[in-house]
Amino acid sequence: MGKEEKKEGKEKIILGIDPGTNVMGYGVILTEGKKYSLLQYGVIHLKKYETHELKLKKIFERITGLIEEFLPDAVALEAPFYGENVQSMLKLGRAQGVAMAAALAREIPITEYSPKKVKQSVTGNGNASKEQVAEMLKTLLKIQEIPKLLDATDALAVAVCHHFHEGRLQTRGRSEGWKAFLEENPDRIKP
């Protein structure tokens, strides 16, 4: 099945990832046209591993396992938000990079979304709480019970966000230029 056939409403699988160094969320959805459904979601517990290097190894192994199991057509990640703690940001960036490397090793396209864009796409409110996002996903994906760790629903939200925006945010390098990029990413503008 060629890429052109898939664009005409064929099924696609999207793996959403909420990067983390203690808990990493993942969510997998199946899409066909405008319809979408839940395949699986959960978390990768990383706190139990003693070193950051071992955590990175486990992230790579688990994401590779998910890719082998579900064969996603796309991977969507939540971009890290800018925090005060540089060491935490560095570790989070490494975790995200390792997850990206697992997808890139299989030549799966990757898209990043800001936390605000994900929340806006799923709830209509870019400042929604994790609980509000989880409640909306419960309705959208017919989830029976919201998990204790909301990293899983955050990852599902990234996958759903990608489904809603697929094809519309791929404007880098095209004639739309900086103006379109800034309009679509107001949270990336520093005052």
C-alpha atoms as a PDB file:
ATOM      1  CA  MET A   1       0.000   0.000   0.000  1.00  0.00           C
ATOM      2  CA  GLY A   2       1.572   3.299  -1.117  1.00  0.00           C
ATOM      3  CA  LYS A   3       1.524   6.573   0.764  1.00  0.00           C
ATOM      4  CA  GLU A   4      -0.997   8.044  -1.684  1.00  0.00           C
ATOM      5  CA  GLU A   5      -3.473   5.267  -0.896  1.00  0.00           C
ATOM      6  CA  LYS A   6      -3.150   5.932   2.838  1.00  0.00           C
ATOM      7  CA  LYS A   7      -3.908   9.640   2.354  1.00  0.00           C
ATOM      8  CA  GLU A   8      -7.222   8.778   0.730  1.00  0.00           C
ATOM      9  CA  GLY A   9      -8.845   7.685   3.979  1.00  0.00           C
ATOM     10  CA  LYS A  10      -7.045   4.402   4.591  1.00  0.00           C
ATOM     11  CA  GLU A  11      -6.206   3.345   8.092  1.00  0.00           C
ATOM     12  CA  LYS A  12      -3.288   4.943   9.903  1.00  0.00           C
ATOM     13  CA  ILE A  13      -1.812   4.239  13.292  1.00  0.00           C
ATOM     14  CA  ILE A  14      -0.425   7.087  15.375  1.00  0.00           C
ATOM     15  CA  LEU A  15       1.841   6.580  18.390  1.00  0.00           C
ATOM     16  CA  GLY A  16       1.710   9.515  20.804  1.00  0.00           C
ATOM     17  CA  ILE A  17       4.456   9.977  23.372  1.00  0.00           C
ATOM     18  CA  ASP A  18       4.596  12.155  26.477  1.00  0.00           C
ATOM     19  CA  PRO A  19       8.328  12.145  27.265  1.00  0.00           C
ATOM     20  CA  GLY A  20       9.462  11.802  30.846  1.00  0.00           C
ATOM     21  CA  THR A  21      12.451  10.632  32.835  1.00  0.00           C
ATOM     22  CA  ASN A  22      10.498   8.967  35.663  1.00  0.00           C
ATOM     23  CA  VAL A  23       7.285   8.102  33.814  1.00  0.00           C
ATOM     24  CA  MET A  24       6.849   8.210  30.038  1.00  0.00           C
ATOM     25  CA  GLY A  25       3.343   8.035  28.648  1.00  0.00           C
ATOM     26  CA  TYR A  26       2.355   6.414  25.381  1.00  0.00           C
ATOM     27  CA  GLY A  27      -0.899   6.174  23.479  1.00  0.00           C
ATOM     28  CA  VAL A  28      -1.761   4.443  20.217  1.00  0.00           C
ATOM     29  CA  ILE A  29      -4.776   5.318  18.099  1.00  0.00           C
ATOM     30  CA  LEU A  30      -6.147   3.986  14.830  1.00  0.00           C
ATOM     31  CA  THR A  31      -7.503   6.531  12.363  1.00  0.00           C
ATOM     32  CA  GLU A  32      -9.500   6.219   9.171  1.00  0.00           C
ATOM     33  CA  GLY A  33     -10.511   9.458   7.554  1.00  0.00           C
ATOM     34  CA  LYS A  34     -11.945  11.630  10.315  1.00  0.00           C
ATOM     35  CA  LYS A  35     -12.700   8.657  12.573  1.00  0.00           C
ATOM     36  CA  TYR A  36     -10.329   7.504  15.281  1.00  0.00           C
ATOM     37  CA  SER A  37     -10.294   4.864  17.989  1.00  0.00           C
ATOM     38  CA  LEU A  38      -8.149   3.753  20.889  1.00  0.00           C
ATOM     39  CA  LEU A  39      -5.770   0.826  20.459  1.00  0.00           C
ATOM     40  CA  GLN A  40      -3.676   1.017  23.626  1.00  0.00           C
ATOM     41  CA  TYR A  41      -2.247   3.428  26.171  1.00  0.00           C
ATOM     42  CA  GLY A  42      -0.086   3.224  29.239  1.00  0.00           C
ATOM     43  CA  VAL A  43       3.104   4.327  30.901  1.00  0.00           C
ATOM     44  CA  ILE A  44       6.701   3.235  31.007  1.00  0.00           C
ATOM     45  CA  HIS A  45       7.883   3.290  34.627  1.00  0.00           C
ATOM     46  CA  LEU A  46      11.463   4.538  34.747  1.00  0.00           C
ATOM     47  CA  LYS A  47      11.915   5.601  38.376  1.00  0.00           C
ATOM     48  CA  LYS A  48      13.087   2.125  39.360  1.00  0.00           C
ATOM     49  CA  TYR A  49      16.217   2.371  37.178  1.00  0.00           C
ATOM     50  CA  GLU A  50      19.209   3.794  38.999  1.00  0.00           C
ATOM     51  CA  THR A  51      21.037   5.705  36.275  1.00  0.00           C
ATOM     52  CA  HIS A  52      19.884   8.097  33.584  1.00  0.00           C
ATOM     53  CA  GLU A  53      21.703   5.985  30.990  1.00  0.00           C
ATOM     54  CA  LEU A  54      19.739   2.883  31.990  1.00  0.00           C
ATOM     55  CA  LYS A  55      16.490   4.881  31.793  1.00  0.00           C
ATOM     56  CA  LEU A  56      17.394   5.971  28.260  1.00  0.00           C
ATOM     57  CA  LYS A  57      18.112   2.350  27.283  1.00  0.00           C
ATOM     58  CA  LYS A  58      14.714   1.261  28.644  1.00  0.00           C
ATOM     59  CA  ILE A  59      12.941   4.101  26.789  1.00  0.00           C
ATOM     60  CA  PHE A  60      14.565   3.010  23.527  1.00  0.00           C
ATOM     61  CA  GLU A  61      13.671  -0.655  24.121  1.00  0.00           C
ATOM     62  CA  ARG A  62      10.040   0.022  25.091  1.00  0.00           C
ATOM     63  CA  ILE A  63       9.370   2.504  22.271  1.00  0.00           C
ATOM     64  CA  THR A  64      10.987   0.093  19.799  1.00  0.00           C
ATOM     65  CA  GLY A  65       8.730  -2.658  21.192  1.00  0.00           C
ATOM     66  CA  LEU A  66       5.626  -0.501  20.728  1.00  0.00           C
ATOM     67  CA  ILE A  67       6.706   0.320  17.191  1.00  0.00           C
ATOM     68  CA  GLU A  68       7.226  -3.372  16.395  1.00  0.00           C
ATOM     69  CA  GLU A  69       3.850  -4.271  17.919  1.00  0.00           C
ATOM     70  CA  PHE A  70       1.697  -1.546  16.348  1.00  0.00           C
ATOM     71  CA  LEU A  71       3.696  -0.515  13.243  1.00  0.00           C
ATOM     72  CA  PRO A  72       2.663   3.160  13.498  1.00  0.00           C
ATOM     73  CA  ASP A  73       2.535   5.377  10.421  1.00  0.00           C
ATOM     74  CA  ALA A  74       3.469   8.424  12.507  1.00  0.00           C
ATOM     75  CA  VAL A  75       4.920   9.302  15.894  1.00  0.00           C
ATOM     76  CA  ALA A  76       3.792  12.461  17.672  1.00  0.00           C
ATOM     77  CA  LEU A  77       5.628  13.810  20.702  1.00  0.00           C
ATOM     78  CA  GLU A  78       4.877  16.506  23.185  1.00  0.00           C
ATOM     79  CA  ALA A  79       7.703  19.039  23.024  1.00  0.00           C
ATOM     80  CA  PRO A  80       9.282  19.777  26.401  1.00  0.00           C
ATOM     81  CA  PHE A  81       8.193  23.043  27.965  1.00  0.00           C
ATOM     82  CA  TYR A  82      10.877  25.454  29.071  1.00  0.00           C
ATOM     83  CA  GLY A  83      11.552  25.161  32.787  1.00  0.00           C
ATOM     84  CA  GLU A  84      13.805  26.736  35.329  1.00  0.00           C
ATOM     85  CA  ASN A  85      15.925  23.650  36.004  1.00  0.00           C
ATOM     86  CA  VAL A  86      18.479  23.221  33.206  1.00  0.00           C
ATOM     87  CA  GLN A  87      19.504  19.707  34.330  1.00  0.00           C
ATOM     88  CA  SER A  88      15.885  18.527  34.241  1.00  0.00           C
ATOM     89  CA  MET A  89      15.440  20.011  30.770  1.00  0.00           C
ATOM     90  CA  LEU A  90      18.600  18.301  29.557  1.00  0.00           C
ATOM     91  CA  LYS A  91      17.455  14.909  30.888  1.00  0.00           C
ATOM     92  CA  LEU A  92      13.977  15.370  29.426  1.00  0.00           C
ATOM     93  CA  GLY A  93      15.474  16.345  26.066  1.00  0.00           C
ATOM     94  CA  ARG A  94      17.603  13.213  26.085  1.00  0.00           C
ATOM     95  CA  ALA A  95      14.545  11.062  26.860  1.00  0.00           C
ATOM     96  CA  GLN A  96      12.668  12.684  23.998  1.00  0.00           C
ATOM     97  CA  GLY A  97      15.660  12.227  21.693  1.00  0.00           C
ATOM     98  CA  VAL A  98      15.920   8.524  22.474  1.00  0.00           C
ATOM     99  CA  ALA A  99      12.197   8.055  21.758  1.00  0.00           C
ATOM    100  CA  MET A 100      12.675   9.946  18.485  1.00  0.00           C
ATOM    101  CA  ALA A 101      15.688   7.783  17.595  1.00  0.00           C
ATOM    102  CA  ALA A 102      13.575   4.634  18.010  1.00  0.00           C
ATOM    103  CA  ALA A 103      11.086   6.015  15.464  1.00  0.00           C
ATOM    104  CA  LEU A 104      13.774   7.351  13.141  1.00  0.00           C
ATOM    105  CA  ALA A 105      15.483   3.938  13.111  1.00  0.00           C
ATOM    106  CA  ARG A 106      12.266   2.636  11.498  1.00  0.00           C
ATOM    107  CA  GLU A 107      11.916   5.710   9.233  1.00  0.00           C
ATOM    108  CA  ILE A 108       8.652   6.734  10.879  1.00  0.00           C
ATOM    109  CA  PRO A 109       7.830  10.450  10.523  1.00  0.00           C
ATOM    110  CA  ILE A 110       7.912  12.444  13.757  1.00  0.00           C
ATOM    111  CA  THR A 111       5.979  15.580  14.672  1.00  0.00           C
ATOM    112  CA  GLU A 112       6.300  17.630  17.862  1.00  0.00           C
ATOM    113  CA  TYR A 113       3.484  19.612  19.435  1.00  0.00           C
ATOM    114  CA  SER A 114       3.675  22.114  22.253  1.00  0.00           C
ATOM    115  CA  PRO A 115       1.732  21.242  25.424  1.00  0.00           C
ATOM    116  CA  LYS A 116      -0.520  24.231  24.785  1.00  0.00           C
ATOM    117  CA  LYS A 117      -1.281  23.094  21.207  1.00  0.00           C
ATOM    118  CA  VAL A 118      -2.155  19.591  22.443  1.00  0.00           C
ATOM    119  CA  LYS A 119      -4.514  20.910  25.135  1.00  0.00           C
ATOM    120  CA  GLN A 120      -6.109  23.376  22.702  1.00  0.00           C
ATOM    121  CA  SER A 121      -6.668  20.642  20.120  1.00  0.00           C
ATOM    122  CA  VAL A 122      -8.281  18.195  22.529  1.00  0.00           C
ATOM    123  CA  THR A 123     -10.249  20.462  24.880  1.00  0.00           C
ATOM    124  CA  GLY A 124     -10.496  23.789  23.066  1.00  0.00           C
ATOM    125  CA  ASN A 125      -8.537  25.393  25.929  1.00  0.00           C
ATOM    126  CA  GLY A 126      -4.752  25.715  25.712  1.00  0.00           C
ATOM    127  CA  ASN A 127      -4.568  26.123  29.488  1.00  0.00           C
ATOM    128  CA  ALA A 128      -6.643  23.045  30.347  1.00  0.00           C
ATOM    129  CA  SER A 129      -5.514  20.882  33.256  1.00  0.00           C
ATOM    130  CA  LYS A 130      -4.294  17.302  32.815  1.00  0.00           C
ATOM    131  CA  GLU A 131      -7.564  16.187  34.404  1.00  0.00           C
ATOM    132  CA  GLN A 132      -9.640  18.150  31.873  1.00  0.00           C
ATOM    133  CA  VAL A 133      -7.660  16.622  29.010  1.00  0.00           C
ATOM    134  CA  ALA A 134      -8.194  13.128  30.476  1.00  0.00           C
ATOM    135  CA  GLU A 135     -11.945  13.708  30.861  1.00  0.00           C
ATOM    136  CA  MET A 136     -12.267  14.883  27.256  1.00  0.00           C
ATOM    137  CA  LEU A 137     -10.318  11.851  26.015  1.00  0.00           C
ATOM    138  CA  LYS A 138     -12.571   9.602  28.099  1.00  0.00           C
ATOM    139  CA  THR A 139     -15.457  10.889  26.003  1.00  0.00           C
ATOM    140  CA  LEU A 140     -13.676  11.053  22.636  1.00  0.00           C
ATOM    141  CA  LEU A 141     -12.077   7.609  22.843  1.00  0.00           C
ATOM    142  CA  LYS A 142     -14.713   5.897  25.014  1.00  0.00           C
ATOM    143  CA  ILE A 143     -12.216   5.123  27.782  1.00  0.00           C
ATOM    144  CA  GLN A 144     -13.888   3.256  30.635  1.00  0.00           C
ATOM    145  CA  GLU A 145     -11.701   4.534  33.453  1.00  0.00           C
ATOM    146  CA  ILE A 146      -9.110   7.302  33.575  1.00  0.00           C
ATOM    147  CA  PRO A 147      -5.713   5.927  34.659  1.00  0.00           C
ATOM    148  CA  LYS A 148      -4.018   7.094  37.857  1.00  0.00           C
ATOM    149  CA  LEU A 149      -0.983   8.324  35.960  1.00  0.00           C
ATOM    150  CA  LEU A 150      -2.167  11.010  33.537  1.00  0.00           C
ATOM    151  CA  ASP A 151       1.032  10.684  31.488  1.00  0.00           C
ATOM    152  CA  ALA A 152      -0.845   7.976  29.560  1.00  0.00           C
ATOM    153  CA  THR A 153      -3.759  10.254  28.672  1.00  0.00           C
ATOM    154  CA  ASP A 154      -1.319  13.085  27.902  1.00  0.00           C
ATOM    155  CA  ALA A 155       0.313  10.791  25.322  1.00  0.00           C
ATOM    156  CA  LEU A 156      -3.087   9.879  23.872  1.00  0.00           C
ATOM    157  CA  ALA A 157      -3.837  13.593  23.629  1.00  0.00           C
ATOM    158  CA  VAL A 158      -0.672  14.081  21.550  1.00  0.00           C
ATOM    159  CA  ALA A 159      -1.776  11.307  19.167  1.00  0.00           C
ATOM    160  CA  VAL A 160      -5.274  12.806  18.862  1.00  0.00           C
ATOM    161  CA  CYS A 161      -3.776  16.271  18.335  1.00  0.00           C
ATOM    162  CA  HIS A 162      -1.656  14.873  15.497  1.00  0.00           C
ATOM    163  CA  HIS A 163      -4.731  13.292  13.923  1.00  0.00           C
ATOM    164  CA  PHE A 164      -6.605  16.617  14.087  1.00  0.00           C
ATOM    165  CA  HIS A 165      -3.689  18.574  12.595  1.00  0.00           C
ATOM    166  CA  GLU A 166      -2.126  16.046  10.241  1.00  0.00           C
ATOM    167  CA  GLY A 167      -1.123  17.749   7.036  1.00  0.00           C
ATOM    168  CA  ARG A 168      -1.896  21.241   8.322  1.00  0.00           C
ATOM    169  CA  LEU A 169       1.155  21.890  10.494  1.00  0.00           C
ATOM    170  CA  GLN A 170       3.719  20.652   8.003  1.00  0.00           C
ATOM    171  CA  THR A 171       4.481  24.166   6.740  1.00  0.00           C
ATOM    172  CA  ARG A 172       8.167  24.512   7.509  1.00  0.00           C
ATOM    173  CA  GLY A 173      10.153  25.335   4.411  1.00  0.00           C
ATOM    174  CA  ARG A 174       7.093  26.239   2.377  1.00  0.00           C
ATOM    175  CA  SER A 175       5.903  29.638   1.218  1.00  0.00           C
ATOM    176  CA  GLU A 176       3.784  30.227   4.332  1.00  0.00           C
ATOM    177  CA  GLY A 177       7.015  31.103   6.151  1.00  0.00           C
ATOM    178  CA  TRP A 178       7.518  32.616   9.579  1.00  0.00           C
ATOM    179  CA  LYS A 179       4.161  34.382   9.788  1.00  0.00           C
ATOM    180  CA  ALA A 180       2.216  31.122   9.565  1.00  0.00           C
ATOM    181  CA  PHE A 181       4.629  29.413  11.946  1.00  0.00           C
ATOM    182  CA  LEU A 182       4.229  32.181  14.551  1.00  0.00           C
ATOM    183  CA  GLU A 183       0.442  32.178  14.206  1.00  0.00           C
ATOM    184  CA  GLU A 184       0.331  28.422  14.781  1.00  0.00           C
ATOM    185  CA  ASN A 185       2.860  28.523  17.642  1.00  0.00           C
ATOM    186  CA  PRO A 186       2.154  31.634  19.769  1.00  0.00           C
ATOM    187  CA  ASP A 187       3.607  29.874  22.816  1.00  0.00           C
ATOM    188  CA  ARG A 188       7.038  29.832  21.110  1.00  0.00           C
ATOM    189  CA  ILE A 189       7.250  33.643  21.103  1.00  0.00           C
ATOM    190  CA  LYS A 190       9.214  35.100  24.000  1.00  0.00           C
ATOM    191  CA  PRO A 191       8.148  38.582  25.190  1.00  0.00           C
END
